[in-house]
PDB file of N, CA and C in Angstrom:
ATOM      1  N   MET A   1    -119.442-164.542-103.282  1.00  0.00           N
ATOM      2  CA  MET A   1    -118.897-164.862-104.575  1.00  0.00           C
ATOM      3  C   MET A   1    -118.317-166.271-104.502  1.00  0.00           C
ATOM      4  N   THR A   2    -118.712-167.140-105.375  1.00  0.00           N
ATOM      5  CA  THR A   2    -118.253-168.523-105.326  1.00  0.00           C
ATOM      6  C   THR A   2    -116.946-168.683-106.078  1.00  0.00           C
ATOM      7  N   THR A   3    -116.358-169.858-105.914  1.00  0.00           N
ATOM      8  CA  THR A   3    -115.098-170.157-106.568  1.00  0.00           C
ATOM      9  C   THR A   3    -115.232-170.114-108.083  1.00  0.00           C
ATOM     10  N   VAL A   4    -116.354-170.573-108.595  1.00  0.00           N
ATOM     11  CA  VAL A   4    -116.572-170.590-110.035  1.00  0.00           C
ATOM     12  C   VAL A   4    -116.586-169.170-110.591  1.00  0.00           C
ATOM     13  N   ARG A   5    -117.157-168.241-109.853  1.00  0.00           N
ATOM     14  CA  ARG A   5    -117.213-166.857-110.324  1.00  0.00           C
ATOM     15  C   ARG A   5    -115.880-166.136-110.159  1.00  0.00           C
ATOM     16  N   ARG A   6    -115.046-166.574-109.239  1.00  0.00           N
ATOM     17  CA  ARG A   6    -113.750-165.935-109.017  1.00  0.00           C
ATOM     18  C   ARG A   6    -112.725-166.328-110.060  1.00  0.00           C
ATOM     19  N   LYS A   7    -112.899-167.507-110.645  1.00  0.00           N
ATOM     20  CA  LYS A   7    -111.901-167.993-111.592  1.00  0.00           C
ATOM     21  C   LYS A   7    -111.677-167.042-112.761  1.00  0.00           C
ATOM     22  N   PRO A   8    -112.728-166.531-113.401  1.00  0.00           N
ATOM     23  CA  PRO A   8    -112.458-165.593-114.497  1.00  0.00           C
ATOM     24  C   PRO A   8    -111.732-164.334-114.030  1.00  0.00           C
ATOM     25  N   LEU A   9    -112.035-163.870-112.822  1.00  0.00           N
ATOM     26  CA  LEU A   9    -111.356-162.677-112.312  1.00  0.00           C
ATOM     27  C   LEU A   9    -109.881-162.960-112.034  1.00  0.00           C
ATOM     28  N   ILE A  10    -109.612-164.098-111.448  1.00  0.00           N
ATOM     29  CA  ILE A  10    -108.222-164.465-111.159  1.00  0.00           C
ATOM     30  C   ILE A  10    -107.465-164.663-112.465  1.00  0.00           C
ATOM     31  N   GLY A  11    -108.083-165.381-113.398  1.00  0.00           N
ATOM     32  CA  GLY A  11    -107.442-165.606-114.701  1.00  0.00           C
ATOM     33  C   GLY A  11    -107.194-164.309-115.441  1.00  0.00           C
ATOM     34  N   THR A  12    -108.164-163.422-115.424  1.00  0.00           N
ATOM     35  CA  THR A  12    -108.007-162.127-116.086  1.00  0.00           C
ATOM     36  C   THR A  12    -106.916-161.312-115.398  1.00  0.00           C
ATOM     37  N   GLY A  13    -106.908-161.331-114.096  1.00  0.00           N
ATOM     38  CA  GLY A  13    -105.865-160.615-113.349  1.00  0.00           C
ATOM     39  C   GLY A  13    -104.468-161.115-113.690  1.00  0.00           C
ATOM     40  N   LEU A  14    -104.317-162.434-113.754  1.00  0.00           N
ATOM     41  CA  LEU A  14    -103.014-163.006-114.100  1.00  0.00           C
ATOM     42  C   LEU A  14    -102.595-162.626-115.521  1.00  0.00           C
ATOM     43  N   LEU A  15    -103.542-162.614-116.442  1.00  0.00           N
ATOM     44  CA  LEU A  15    -103.207-162.240-117.815  1.00  0.00           C
ATOM     45  C   LEU A  15    -102.835-160.760-117.919  1.00  0.00           C
ATOM     46  N   VAL A  16    -103.512-159.913-117.171  1.00  0.00           N
ATOM     47  CA  VAL A  16    -103.178-158.483-117.178  1.00  0.00           C
ATOM     48  C   VAL A  16    -101.779-158.268-116.592  1.00  0.00           C
ATOM     49  N   VAL A  17    -101.482-158.951-115.496  1.00  0.00           N
ATOM     50  CA  VAL A  17    -100.155-158.844-114.896  1.00  0.00           C
ATOM     51  C   VAL A  17     -99.093-159.356-115.875  1.00  0.00           C
ATOM     52  N   ALA A  18     -99.399-160.433-116.591  1.00  0.00           N
ATOM     53  CA  ALA A  18     -98.458-160.967-117.583  1.00  0.00           C
ATOM     54  C   ALA A  18     -98.174-159.934-118.665  1.00  0.00           C
ATOM     55  N   LEU A  19     -99.209-159.261-119.134  1.00  0.00           N
ATOM     56  CA  LEU A  19     -99.009-158.235-120.167  1.00  0.00           C
ATOM     57  C   LEU A  19     -98.187-157.064-119.640  1.00  0.00           C
ATOM     58  N   LEU A  20     -98.450-156.652-118.412  1.00  0.00           N
ATOM     59  CA  LEU A  20     -97.671-155.564-117.822  1.00  0.00           C
ATOM     60  C   LEU A  20     -96.205-155.949-117.658  1.00  0.00           C
ATOM     61  N   LEU A  21     -95.958-157.147-117.153  1.00  0.00           N
ATOM     62  CA  LEU A  21     -94.581-157.614-116.987  1.00  0.00           C
ATOM     63  C   LEU A  21     -93.875-157.734-118.335  1.00  0.00           C
ATOM     64  N   LEU A  22     -94.594-158.193-119.329  1.00  0.00           N
ATOM     65  CA  LEU A  22     -94.010-158.310-120.661  1.00  0.00           C
ATOM     66  C   LEU A  22     -93.642-156.940-121.215  1.00  0.00           C
ATOM     67  N   GLY A  23     -94.509-155.958-121.000  1.00  0.00           N
ATOM     68  CA  GLY A  23     -94.220-154.603-121.466  1.00  0.00           C
ATOM     69  C   GLY A  23     -92.978-154.019-120.798  1.00  0.00           C
ATOM     70  N   VAL A  24     -92.858-154.189-119.494  1.00  0.00           N
ATOM     71  CA  VAL A  24     -91.683-153.691-118.777  1.00  0.00           C
ATOM     72  C   VAL A  24     -90.432-154.445-119.226  1.00  0.00           C
ATOM     73  N   SER A  25     -90.579-155.738-119.463  1.00  0.00           N
ATOM     74  CA  SER A  25     -89.453-156.539-119.920  1.00  0.00           C
ATOM     75  C   SER A  25     -88.959-156.055-121.287  1.00  0.00           C
ATOM     76  N   ILE A  26     -89.874-155.779-122.197  1.00  0.00           N
ATOM     77  CA  ILE A  26     -89.483-155.275-123.519  1.00  0.00           C
ATOM     78  C   ILE A  26     -88.784-153.927-123.383  1.00  0.00           C
ATOM     79  N   PHE A  27     -89.307-153.058-122.515  1.00  0.00           N
ATOM     80  CA  PHE A  27     -88.675-151.764-122.281  1.00  0.00           C
ATOM     81  C   PHE A  27     -87.241-151.950-121.781  1.00  0.00           C
ATOM     82  N   LEU A  28     -87.036-152.883-120.848  1.00  0.00           N
ATOM     83  CA  LEU A  28     -85.684-153.108-120.324  1.00  0.00           C
ATOM     84  C   LEU A  28     -84.763-153.699-121.378  1.00  0.00           C
ATOM     85  N   PHE A  29     -85.276-154.567-122.243  1.00  0.00           N
ATOM     86  CA  PHE A  29     -84.448-155.087-123.336  1.00  0.00           C
ATOM     87  C   PHE A  29     -84.027-153.956-124.268  1.00  0.00           C
ATOM     88  N   LEU A  30     -84.929-153.020-124.545  1.00  0.00           N
ATOM     89  CA  LEU A  30     -84.585-151.880-125.394  1.00  0.00           C
ATOM     90  C   LEU A  30     -83.542-150.984-124.719  1.00  0.00           C
ATOM     91  N   ARG A  31     -83.703-150.762-123.425  1.00  0.00           N
ATOM     92  CA  ARG A  31     -82.710-149.962-122.695  1.00  0.00           C
ATOM     93  C   ARG A  31     -81.348-150.652-122.680  1.00  0.00           C
ATOM     94  N   ALA A  32     -81.348-151.970-122.533  1.00  0.00           N
ATOM     95  CA  ALA A  32     -80.085-152.713-122.553  1.00  0.00           C
ATOM     96  C   ALA A  32     -79.416-152.599-123.920  1.00  0.00           C
ATOM     97  N   SER A  33     -80.214-152.592-124.965  1.00  0.00           N
ATOM     98  CA  SER A  33     -79.665-152.424-126.316  1.00  0.00           C
ATOM     99  C   SER A  33     -79.032-151.038-126.474  1.00  0.00           C
ATOM    100  N   ASP A  34     -79.706-150.010-125.970  1.00  0.00           N
ATOM    101  CA  ASP A  34     -79.145-148.654-126.017  1.00  0.00           C
ATOM    102  C   ASP A  34     -77.853-148.570-125.211  1.00  0.00           C
ATOM    103  N   THR A  35     -77.828-149.214-124.076  1.00  0.00           N
ATOM    104  CA  THR A  35     -76.632-149.208-123.242  1.00  0.00           C
ATOM    105  C   THR A  35     -75.481-149.911-123.951  1.00  0.00           C
ATOM    106  N   GLN A  36     -75.775-151.007-124.665  1.00  0.00           N
ATOM    107  CA  GLN A  36     -74.734-151.716-125.408  1.00  0.00           C
ATOM    108  C   GLN A  36     -74.160-150.835-126.509  1.00  0.00           C
ATOM    109  N   GLU A  37     -75.011-150.068-127.171  1.00  0.00           N
ATOM    110  CA  GLU A  37     -74.524-149.136-128.194  1.00  0.00           C
ATOM    111  C   GLU A  37     -73.625-148.074-127.572  1.00  0.00           C
ATOM    112  N   ARG A  38     -73.983-147.607-126.386  1.00  0.00           N
ATOM    113  CA  ARG A  38     -73.167-146.619-125.688  1.00  0.00           C
ATOM    114  C   ARG A  38     -71.811-147.219-125.302  1.00  0.00           C
ATOM    115  N   ILE A  39     -71.811-148.478-124.868  1.00  0.00           N
ATOM    116  CA  ILE A  39     -70.558-149.170-124.526  1.00  0.00           C
ATOM    117  C   ILE A  39     -69.665-149.257-125.754  1.00  0.00           C
ATOM    118  N   ASP A  40     -70.256-149.662-126.880  1.00  0.00           N
ATOM    119  CA  ASP A  40     -69.477-149.786-128.111  1.00  0.00           C
ATOM    120  C   ASP A  40     -68.876-148.442-128.523  1.00  0.00           C
ATOM    121  N   GLY A  41     -69.641-147.363-128.359  1.00  0.00           N
ATOM    122  CA  GLY A  41     -69.134-146.025-128.677  1.00  0.00           C
ATOM    123  C   GLY A  41     -67.966-145.630-127.787  1.00  0.00           C
ATOM    124  N   HIS A  42     -68.075-145.915-126.482  1.00  0.00           N
ATOM    125  CA  HIS A  42     -66.983-145.601-125.558  1.00  0.00           C
ATOM    126  C   HIS A  42     -65.725-146.386-125.914  1.00  0.00           C
ATOM    127  N   LEU A  43     -65.906-147.663-126.252  1.00  0.00           N
ATOM    128  CA  LEU A  43     -64.736-148.485-126.585  1.00  0.00           C
ATOM    129  C   LEU A  43     -64.094-148.043-127.898  1.00  0.00           C
ATOM    130  N   GLN A  44     -64.902-147.641-128.861  1.00  0.00           N
ATOM    131  CA  GLN A  44     -64.342-147.132-130.123  1.00  0.00           C
ATOM    132  C   GLN A  44     -63.564-145.846-129.882  1.00  0.00           C
ATOM    133  N   LYS A  45     -64.125-144.976-129.063  1.00  0.00           N
ATOM    134  CA  LYS A  45     -63.449-143.720-128.744  1.00  0.00           C
ATOM    135  C   LYS A  45     -62.127-144.000-128.031  1.00  0.00           C
ATOM    136  N   ALA A  46     -62.125-144.918-127.065  1.00  0.00           N
ATOM    137  CA  ALA A  46     -60.905-145.267-126.333  1.00  0.00           C
ATOM    138  C   ALA A  46     -59.866-145.868-127.271  1.00  0.00           C
ATOM    139  N   THR A  47     -60.295-146.713-128.190  1.00  0.00           N
ATOM    140  CA  THR A  47     -59.363-147.325-129.145  1.00  0.00           C
ATOM    141  C   THR A  47     -58.743-146.260-130.045  1.00  0.00           C
ATOM    142  N   GLY A  48     -59.572-145.333-130.514  1.00  0.00           N
ATOM    143  CA  GLY A  48     -59.052-144.246-131.344  1.00  0.00           C
ATOM    144  C   GLY A  48     -58.052-143.382-130.595  1.00  0.00           C
ATOM    145  N   LEU A  49     -58.352-143.077-129.349  1.00  0.00           N
ATOM    146  CA  LEU A  49     -57.437-142.262-128.548  1.00  0.00           C
ATOM    147  C   LEU A  49     -56.120-142.988-128.283  1.00  0.00           C
ATOM    148  N   LEU A  50     -56.202-144.294-128.033  1.00  0.00           N
ATOM    149  CA  LEU A  50     -54.977-145.054-127.786  1.00  0.00           C
ATOM    150  C   LEU A  50     -54.112-145.145-129.039  1.00  0.00           C
ATOM    151  N   SER A  51     -54.729-145.303-130.193  1.00  0.00           N
ATOM    152  CA  SER A  51     -53.932-145.355-131.429  1.00  0.00           C
ATOM    153  C   SER A  51     -53.297-143.996-131.712  1.00  0.00           C
ATOM    154  N   GLU A  52     -54.038-142.927-131.420  1.00  0.00           N
ATOM    155  CA  GLU A  52     -53.465-141.588-131.583  1.00  0.00           C
ATOM    156  C   GLU A  52     -52.331-141.364-130.577  1.00  0.00           C
ATOM    157  N   ALA A  53     -52.515-141.874-129.353  1.00  0.00           N
ATOM    158  CA  ALA A  53     -51.472-141.734-128.332  1.00  0.00           C
ATOM    159  C   ALA A  53     -50.201-142.473-128.746  1.00  0.00           C
ATOM    160  N   GLU A  54     -50.356-143.622-129.352  1.00  0.00           N
ATOM    161  CA  GLU A  54     -49.188-144.384-129.814  1.00  0.00           C
ATOM    162  C   GLU A  54     -48.463-143.665-130.940  1.00  0.00           C
ATOM    163  N   SER A  55     -49.226-142.946-131.775  1.00  0.00           N
ATOM    164  CA  SER A  55     -48.592-142.253-132.897  1.00  0.00           C
ATOM    165  C   SER A  55     -47.769-141.039-132.433  1.00  0.00           C
ATOM    166  N   VAL A  56     -48.110-140.443-131.296  1.00  0.00           N
ATOM    167  CA  VAL A  56     -47.368-139.272-130.798  1.00  0.00           C
ATOM    168  C   VAL A  56     -46.487-139.609-129.597  1.00  0.00           C
ATOM    169  N   LYS A  57     -46.296-140.882-129.341  1.00  0.00           N
ATOM    170  CA  LYS A  57     -45.555-141.312-128.153  1.00  0.00           C
ATOM    171  C   LYS A  57     -44.124-140.761-128.138  1.00  0.00           C
ATOM    172  N   GLU A  58     -43.452-140.843-129.261  1.00  0.00           N
ATOM    173  CA  GLU A  58     -42.053-140.417-129.331  1.00  0.00           C
ATOM    174  C   GLU A  58     -41.914-138.904-129.508  1.00  0.00           C
ATOM    175  N   THR A  59     -42.846-138.312-130.232  1.00  0.00           N
ATOM    176  CA  THR A  59     -42.701-136.891-130.554  1.00  0.00           C
ATOM    177  C   THR A  59     -43.212-135.969-129.457  1.00  0.00           C
ATOM    178  N   ASP A  60     -44.283-136.350-128.781  1.00  0.00           N
ATOM    179  CA  ASP A  60     -44.891-135.462-127.781  1.00  0.00           C
ATOM    180  C   ASP A  60     -45.351-136.284-126.573  1.00  0.00           C
ATOM    181  N   PRO A  61     -44.460-136.549-125.608  1.00  0.00           N
ATOM    182  CA  PRO A  61     -44.820-137.367-124.449  1.00  0.00           C
ATOM    183  C   PRO A  61     -45.963-136.784-123.613  1.00  0.00           C
ATOM    184  N   GLY A  62     -46.061-135.474-123.527  1.00  0.00           N
ATOM    185  CA  GLY A  62     -47.148-134.850-122.762  1.00  0.00           C
ATOM    186  C   GLY A  62     -48.497-135.131-123.397  1.00  0.00           C
ATOM    187  N   ARG A  63     -48.551-135.007-124.699  1.00  0.00           N
ATOM    188  CA  ARG A  63     -49.804-135.306-125.429  1.00  0.00           C
ATOM    189  C   ARG A  63     -50.137-136.789-125.315  1.00  0.00           C
ATOM    190  N   HIS A  64     -49.100-137.638-125.328  1.00  0.00           N
ATOM    191  CA  HIS A  64     -49.305-139.089-125.171  1.00  0.00           C
ATOM    192  C   HIS A  64     -49.967-139.388-123.829  1.00  0.00           C
ATOM    193  N   ASP A  65     -49.456-138.783-122.769  1.00  0.00           N
ATOM    194  CA  ASP A  65     -50.040-139.004-121.440  1.00  0.00           C
ATOM    195  C   ASP A  65     -51.480-138.500-121.372  1.00  0.00           C
ATOM    196  N   GLU A  66     -51.726-137.343-121.968  1.00  0.00           N
ATOM    197  CA  GLU A  66     -53.075-136.780-121.974  1.00  0.00           C
ATOM    198  C   GLU A  66     -54.056-137.695-122.720  1.00  0.00           C
ATOM    199  N   LEU A  67     -53.636-138.180-123.880  1.00  0.00           N
ATOM    200  CA  LEU A  67     -54.499-139.071-124.666  1.00  0.00           C
ATOM    201  C   LEU A  67     -54.725-140.400-123.954  1.00  0.00           C
ATOM    202  N   THR A  68     -53.697-140.891-123.266  1.00  0.00           N
ATOM    203  CA  THR A  68     -53.827-142.151-122.528  1.00  0.00           C
ATOM    204  C   THR A  68     -54.813-141.989-121.362  1.00  0.00           C
ATOM    205  N   ARG A  69     -54.735-140.868-120.653  1.00  0.00           N
ATOM    206  CA  ARG A  69     -55.691-140.612-119.563  1.00  0.00           C
ATOM    207  C   ARG A  69     -57.120-140.520-120.099  1.00  0.00           C
ATOM    208  N   GLU A  70     -57.266-139.842-121.232  1.00  0.00           N
ATOM    209  CA  GLU A  70     -58.595-139.712-121.841  1.00  0.00           C
ATOM    210  C   GLU A  70     -59.133-141.087-122.265  1.00  0.00           C
ATOM    211  N   ALA A  71     -58.271-141.922-122.830  1.00  0.00           N
ATOM    212  CA  ALA A  71     -58.684-143.274-123.228  1.00  0.00           C
ATOM    213  C   ALA A  71     -59.068-144.097-122.001  1.00  0.00           C
ATOM    214  N   ASN A  72     -58.329-143.950-120.919  1.00  0.00           N
ATOM    215  CA  ASN A  72     -58.657-144.667-119.680  1.00  0.00           C
ATOM    216  C   ASN A  72     -60.008-144.218-119.128  1.00  0.00           C
ATOM    217  N   ARG A  73     -60.304-142.936-119.283  1.00  0.00           N
ATOM    218  CA  ARG A  73     -61.594-142.423-118.829  1.00  0.00           C
ATOM    219  C   ARG A  73     -62.737-143.054-119.623  1.00  0.00           C
ATOM    220  N   TYR A  74     -62.581-143.146-120.944  1.00  0.00           N
ATOM    221  CA  TYR A  74     -63.617-143.768-121.764  1.00  0.00           C
ATOM    222  C   TYR A  74     -63.726-145.269-121.486  1.00  0.00           C
ATOM    223  N   THR A  75     -62.617-145.894-121.171  1.00  0.00           N
ATOM    224  CA  THR A  75     -62.659-147.315-120.791  1.00  0.00           C
ATOM    225  C   THR A  75     -63.430-147.487-119.483  1.00  0.00           C
ATOM    226  N   TRP A  76     -63.227-146.578-118.540  1.00  0.00           N
ATOM    227  CA  TRP A  76     -63.969-146.634-117.276  1.00  0.00           C
ATOM    228  C   TRP A  76     -65.457-146.439-117.526  1.00  0.00           C
ATOM    229  N   PHE A  77     -65.815-145.495-118.434  1.00  0.00           N
ATOM    230  CA  PHE A  77     -67.220-145.308-118.789  1.00  0.00           C
ATOM    231  C   PHE A  77     -67.808-146.608-119.327  1.00  0.00           C
ATOM    232  N   ALA A  78     -67.059-147.284-120.190  1.00  0.00           N
ATOM    233  CA  ALA A  78     -67.536-148.541-120.769  1.00  0.00           C
ATOM    234  C   ALA A  78     -67.723-149.607-119.688  1.00  0.00           C
ATOM    235  N   GLU A  79     -66.828-149.641-118.718  1.00  0.00           N
ATOM    236  CA  GLU A  79     -66.946-150.630-117.636  1.00  0.00           C
ATOM    237  C   GLU A  79     -68.194-150.387-116.793  1.00  0.00           C
ATOM    238  N   THR A  80     -68.441-149.134-116.442  1.00  0.00           N
ATOM    239  CA  THR A  80     -69.626-148.850-115.629  1.00  0.00           C
ATOM    240  C   THR A  80     -70.908-149.087-116.437  1.00  0.00           C
ATOM    241  N   ASP A  81     -70.875-148.769-117.722  1.00  0.00           N
ATOM    242  CA  ASP A  81     -72.038-149.042-118.566  1.00  0.00           C
ATOM    243  C   ASP A  81     -72.254-150.540-118.725  1.00  0.00           C
ATOM    244  N   GLN A  82     -71.163-151.315-118.707  1.00  0.00           N
ATOM    245  CA  GLN A  82     -71.294-152.772-118.810  1.00  0.00           C
ATOM    246  C   GLN A  82     -72.020-153.329-117.598  1.00  0.00           C
ATOM    247  N   GLU A  83     -71.750-152.782-116.427  1.00  0.00           N
ATOM    248  CA  GLU A  83     -72.470-153.212-115.219  1.00  0.00           C
ATOM    249  C   GLU A  83     -73.958-152.876-115.334  1.00  0.00           C
ATOM    250  N   GLU A  84     -74.246-151.690-115.852  1.00  0.00           N
ATOM    251  CA  GLU A  84     -75.640-151.292-116.044  1.00  0.00           C
ATOM    252  C   GLU A  84     -76.328-152.202-117.061  1.00  0.00           C
ATOM    253  N   HIS A  85     -75.617-152.510-118.141  1.00  0.00           N
ATOM    254  CA  HIS A  85     -76.174-153.391-119.178  1.00  0.00           C
ATOM    255  C   HIS A  85     -76.484-154.766-118.611  1.00  0.00           C
ATOM    256  N   SER A  86     -75.575-155.286-117.827  1.00  0.00           N
ATOM    257  CA  SER A  86     -75.774-156.605-117.224  1.00  0.00           C
ATOM    258  C   SER A  86     -77.000-156.613-116.320  1.00  0.00           C
ATOM    259  N   SER A  87     -77.148-155.578-115.528  1.00  0.00           N
ATOM    260  CA  SER A  87     -78.295-155.465-114.628  1.00  0.00           C
ATOM    261  C   SER A  87     -79.605-155.357-115.416  1.00  0.00           C
ATOM    262  N   GLN A  88     -79.618-154.533-116.449  1.00  0.00           N
ATOM    263  CA  GLN A  88     -80.825-154.365-117.262  1.00  0.00           C
ATOM    264  C   GLN A  88     -81.199-155.670-117.960  1.00  0.00           C
ATOM    265  N   TYR A  89     -80.205-156.336-118.504  1.00  0.00           N
ATOM    266  CA  TYR A  89     -80.455-157.572-119.250  1.00  0.00           C
ATOM    267  C   TYR A  89     -80.985-158.666-118.323  1.00  0.00           C
ATOM    268  N   SER A  90     -80.376-158.800-117.151  1.00  0.00           N
ATOM    269  CA  SER A  90     -80.838-159.807-116.193  1.00  0.00           C
ATOM    270  C   SER A  90     -82.253-159.509-115.719  1.00  0.00           C
ATOM    271  N   SER A  91     -82.518-158.250-115.420  1.00  0.00           N
ATOM    272  CA  SER A  91     -83.862-157.866-114.976  1.00  0.00           C
ATOM    273  C   SER A  91     -84.894-158.117-116.056  1.00  0.00           C
ATOM    274  N   ALA A  92     -84.543-157.837-117.298  1.00  0.00           N
ATOM    275  CA  ALA A  92     -85.478-158.062-118.406  1.00  0.00           C
ATOM    276  C   ALA A  92     -85.821-159.543-118.525  1.00  0.00           C
ATOM    277  N   TRP A  93     -84.827-160.413-118.398  1.00  0.00           N
ATOM    278  CA  TRP A  93     -85.106-161.851-118.485  1.00  0.00           C
ATOM    279  C   TRP A  93     -85.944-162.335-117.304  1.00  0.00           C
ATOM    280  N   LEU A  94     -85.679-161.805-116.112  1.00  0.00           N
ATOM    281  CA  LEU A  94     -86.478-162.208-114.950  1.00  0.00           C
ATOM    282  C   LEU A  94     -87.931-161.768-115.101  1.00  0.00           C
ATOM    283  N   LEU A  95     -88.142-160.562-115.588  1.00  0.00           N
ATOM    284  CA  LEU A  95     -89.515-160.097-115.808  1.00  0.00           C
ATOM    285  C   LEU A  95     -90.203-160.901-116.909  1.00  0.00           C
ATOM    286  N   ALA A  96     -89.447-161.276-117.946  1.00  0.00           N
ATOM    287  CA  ALA A  96     -90.025-162.098-119.012  1.00  0.00           C
ATOM    288  C   ALA A  96     -90.427-163.470-118.463  1.00  0.00           C
ATOM    289  N   ALA A  97     -89.614-164.016-117.567  1.00  0.00           N
ATOM    290  CA  ALA A  97     -89.969-165.295-116.942  1.00  0.00           C
ATOM    291  C   ALA A  97     -91.211-165.140-116.065  1.00  0.00           C
ATOM    292  N   GLY A  98     -91.303-164.043-115.340  1.00  0.00           N
ATOM    293  CA  GLY A  98     -92.496-163.776-114.536  1.00  0.00           C
ATOM    294  C   GLY A  98     -93.733-163.628-115.402  1.00  0.00           C
ATOM    295  N   ALA A  99     -93.579-162.966-116.548  1.00  0.00           N
ATOM    296  CA  ALA A  99     -94.708-162.820-117.479  1.00  0.00           C
ATOM    297  C   ALA A  99     -95.142-164.179-118.007  1.00  0.00           C
ATOM    298  N   ALA A 100     -94.170-165.028-118.327  1.00  0.00           N
ATOM    299  CA  ALA A 100     -94.509-166.370-118.811  1.00  0.00           C
ATOM    300  C   ALA A 100     -95.238-167.167-117.727  1.00  0.00           C
ATOM    301  N   GLY A 101     -94.794-167.027-116.493  1.00  0.00           N
ATOM    302  CA  GLY A 101     -95.455-167.717-115.383  1.00  0.00           C
ATOM    303  C   GLY A 101     -96.881-167.232-115.174  1.00  0.00           C
ATOM    304  N   CYS A 102     -97.073-165.923-115.225  1.00  0.00           N
ATOM    305  CA  CYS A 102     -98.431-165.374-115.067  1.00  0.00           C
ATOM    306  C   CYS A 102     -99.321-165.768-116.226  1.00  0.00           C
ATOM    307  N   LEU A 103     -98.771-165.767-117.418  1.00  0.00           N
ATOM    308  CA  LEU A 103     -99.548-166.179-118.587  1.00  0.00           C
ATOM    309  C   LEU A 103     -99.963-167.643-118.469  1.00  0.00           C
ATOM    310  N   THR A 104     -99.016-168.479-118.067  1.00  0.00           N
ATOM    311  CA  THR A 104     -99.325-169.896-117.885  1.00  0.00           C
ATOM    312  C   THR A 104    -100.377-170.091-116.796  1.00  0.00           C
ATOM    313  N   GLY A 105    -100.205-169.405-115.680  1.00  0.00           N
ATOM    314  CA  GLY A 105    -101.176-169.513-114.589  1.00  0.00           C
ATOM    315  C   GLY A 105    -102.550-169.028-115.006  1.00  0.00           C
ATOM    316  N   GLY A 106    -102.608-167.912-115.726  1.00  0.00           N
ATOM    317  CA  GLY A 106    -103.894-167.395-116.196  1.00  0.00           C
ATOM    318  C   GLY A 106    -104.587-168.351-117.141  1.00  0.00           C
ATOM    319  N   LEU A 107    -103.815-168.955-118.042  1.00  0.00           N
ATOM    320  CA  LEU A 107    -104.416-169.910-118.973  1.00  0.00           C
ATOM    321  C   LEU A 107    -104.886-171.169-118.256  1.00  0.00           C
ATOM    322  N   ILE A 108    -104.120-171.617-117.280  1.00  0.00           N
ATOM    323  CA  ILE A 108    -104.534-172.800-116.515  1.00  0.00           C
ATOM    324  C   ILE A 108    -105.830-172.521-115.772  1.00  0.00           C
ATOM    325  N   VAL A 109    -105.924-171.329-115.174  1.00  0.00           N
ATOM    326  CA  VAL A 109    -107.145-170.975-114.448  1.00  0.00           C
ATOM    327  C   VAL A 109    -108.324-170.918-115.408  1.00  0.00           C
ATOM    328  N   PHE A 110    -108.131-170.317-116.591  1.00  0.00           N
ATOM    329  CA  PHE A 110    -109.226-170.223-117.556  1.00  0.00           C
ATOM    330  C   PHE A 110    -109.642-171.590-118.092  1.00  0.00           C
ATOM    331  N   LEU A 111    -108.674-172.458-118.304  1.00  0.00           N
ATOM    332  CA  LEU A 111    -108.982-173.740-118.929  1.00  0.00           C
ATOM    333  C   LEU A 111    -109.391-174.832-117.945  1.00  0.00           C
ATOM    334  N   SER A 112    -109.119-174.622-116.668  1.00  0.00           N
ATOM    335  CA  SER A 112    -109.491-175.655-115.705  1.00  0.00           C
ATOM    336  C   SER A 112    -110.992-175.578-115.433  1.00  0.00           C
ATOM    337  N   ARG A 113    -111.553-176.721-115.166  1.00  0.00           N
ATOM    338  CA  ARG A 113    -112.995-176.775-114.885  1.00  0.00           C
ATOM    339  C   ARG A 113    -113.238-176.491-113.418  1.00  0.00           C
ATOM    340  N   GLY A 114    -114.365-175.905-113.148  1.00  0.00           N
ATOM    341  CA  GLY A 114    -114.740-175.598-111.767  1.00  0.00           C
ATOM    342  C   GLY A 114    -115.125-176.847-111.007  1.00  0.00           C
ATOM    343  N   GLY A 115    -115.305-176.704-109.701  1.00  0.00           N
ATOM    344  CA  GLY A 115    -115.669-177.829-108.850  1.00  0.00           C
ATOM    345  C   GLY A 115    -117.091-178.316-109.104  1.00  0.00           C
ATOM    346  N   ARG A 116    -117.959-177.448-109.539  1.00  0.00           N
ATOM    347  CA  ARG A 116    -119.327-177.882-109.788  1.00  0.00           C
ATOM    348  C   ARG A 116    -119.741-177.391-111.171  1.00  0.00           C
ATOM    349  N   ALA A 117    -120.699-178.045-111.714  1.00  0.00           N
ATOM    350  CA  ALA A 117    -121.158-177.706-113.060  1.00  0.00           C
ATOM    351  C   ALA A 117    -122.019-176.452-113.029  1.00  0.00           C
ATOM    352  N   PRO A 118    -121.990-175.666-114.093  1.00  0.00           N
ATOM    353  CA  PRO A 118    -122.862-174.501-114.154  1.00  0.00           C
ATOM    354  C   PRO A 118    -124.323-174.920-114.171  1.00  0.00           C
ATOM    355  N   ARG A 119    -125.207-174.028-113.790  1.00  0.00           N
ATOM    356  CA  ARG A 119    -126.632-174.333-113.770  1.00  0.00           C
ATOM    357  C   ARG A 119    -127.135-174.711-115.161  1.00  0.00           C
ATOM    358  N   GLY A 120    -127.962-175.678-115.182  1.00  0.00           N
ATOM    359  CA  GLY A 120    -128.561-176.110-116.437  1.00  0.00           C
ATOM    360  C   GLY A 120    -127.685-177.023-117.268  1.00  0.00           C
ATOM    361  N   ALA A 121    -126.526-177.420-116.761  1.00  0.00           N
ATOM    362  CA  ALA A 121    -125.661-178.305-117.526  1.00  0.00           C
ATOM    363  C   ALA A 121    -126.220-179.724-117.494  1.00  0.00           C
ATOM    364  N   LYS A 122    -126.164-180.385-118.601  1.00  0.00           N
ATOM    365  CA  LYS A 122    -126.642-181.762-118.686  1.00  0.00           C
ATOM    366  C   LYS A 122    -125.460-182.700-118.826  1.00  0.00           C
ATOM    367  N   PHE A 123    -125.513-183.814-118.119  1.00  0.00           N
ATOM    368  CA  PHE A 123    -124.430-184.786-118.176  1.00  0.00           C
ATOM    369  C   PHE A 123    -124.973-186.088-118.744  1.00  0.00           C
ATOM    370  N   ASP A 124    -124.183-186.720-119.575  1.00  0.00           N
ATOM    371  CA  ASP A 124    -124.539-188.040-120.098  1.00  0.00           C
ATOM    372  C   ASP A 124    -124.105-189.086-119.098  1.00  0.00           C
ATOM    373  N   ARG A 125    -125.001-190.026-118.812  1.00  0.00           N
ATOM    374  CA  ARG A 125    -124.643-191.103-117.892  1.00  0.00           C
ATOM    375  C   ARG A 125    -124.196-192.295-118.699  1.00  0.00           C
ATOM    376  N   VAL A 126    -123.181-192.954-118.217  1.00  0.00           N
ATOM    377  CA  VAL A 126    -122.666-194.121-118.924  1.00  0.00           C
ATOM    378  C   VAL A 126    -123.315-195.373-118.452  1.00  0.00           C
TER     379      VAL A 126
END
């Protein structure tokens, strides 16, 4: 198999890899979006619990402590989800960059000319 015949295979391979990387990248961006929604829900729940804890602070100290612990638990959930979100988001961008690189490489391979002319090609002499 000559270099000229390998170029379409290499170019096609790079384009297929680019599409696969792009698909995984989109999936990770969607997962990061879901994780962000989960973080927002945890923080809203923690804020609601803290405001309720403040309202019963003077009347029921035991309930205040219970609500504060529950709010701290939801805050911890949000913190761990934030780490997951950061990881997903970074991975999605890295895969998107890899897809762009493969796409660029595939297009360069397809558009570059081979070392020798195909059979039957005619050249104009200057």
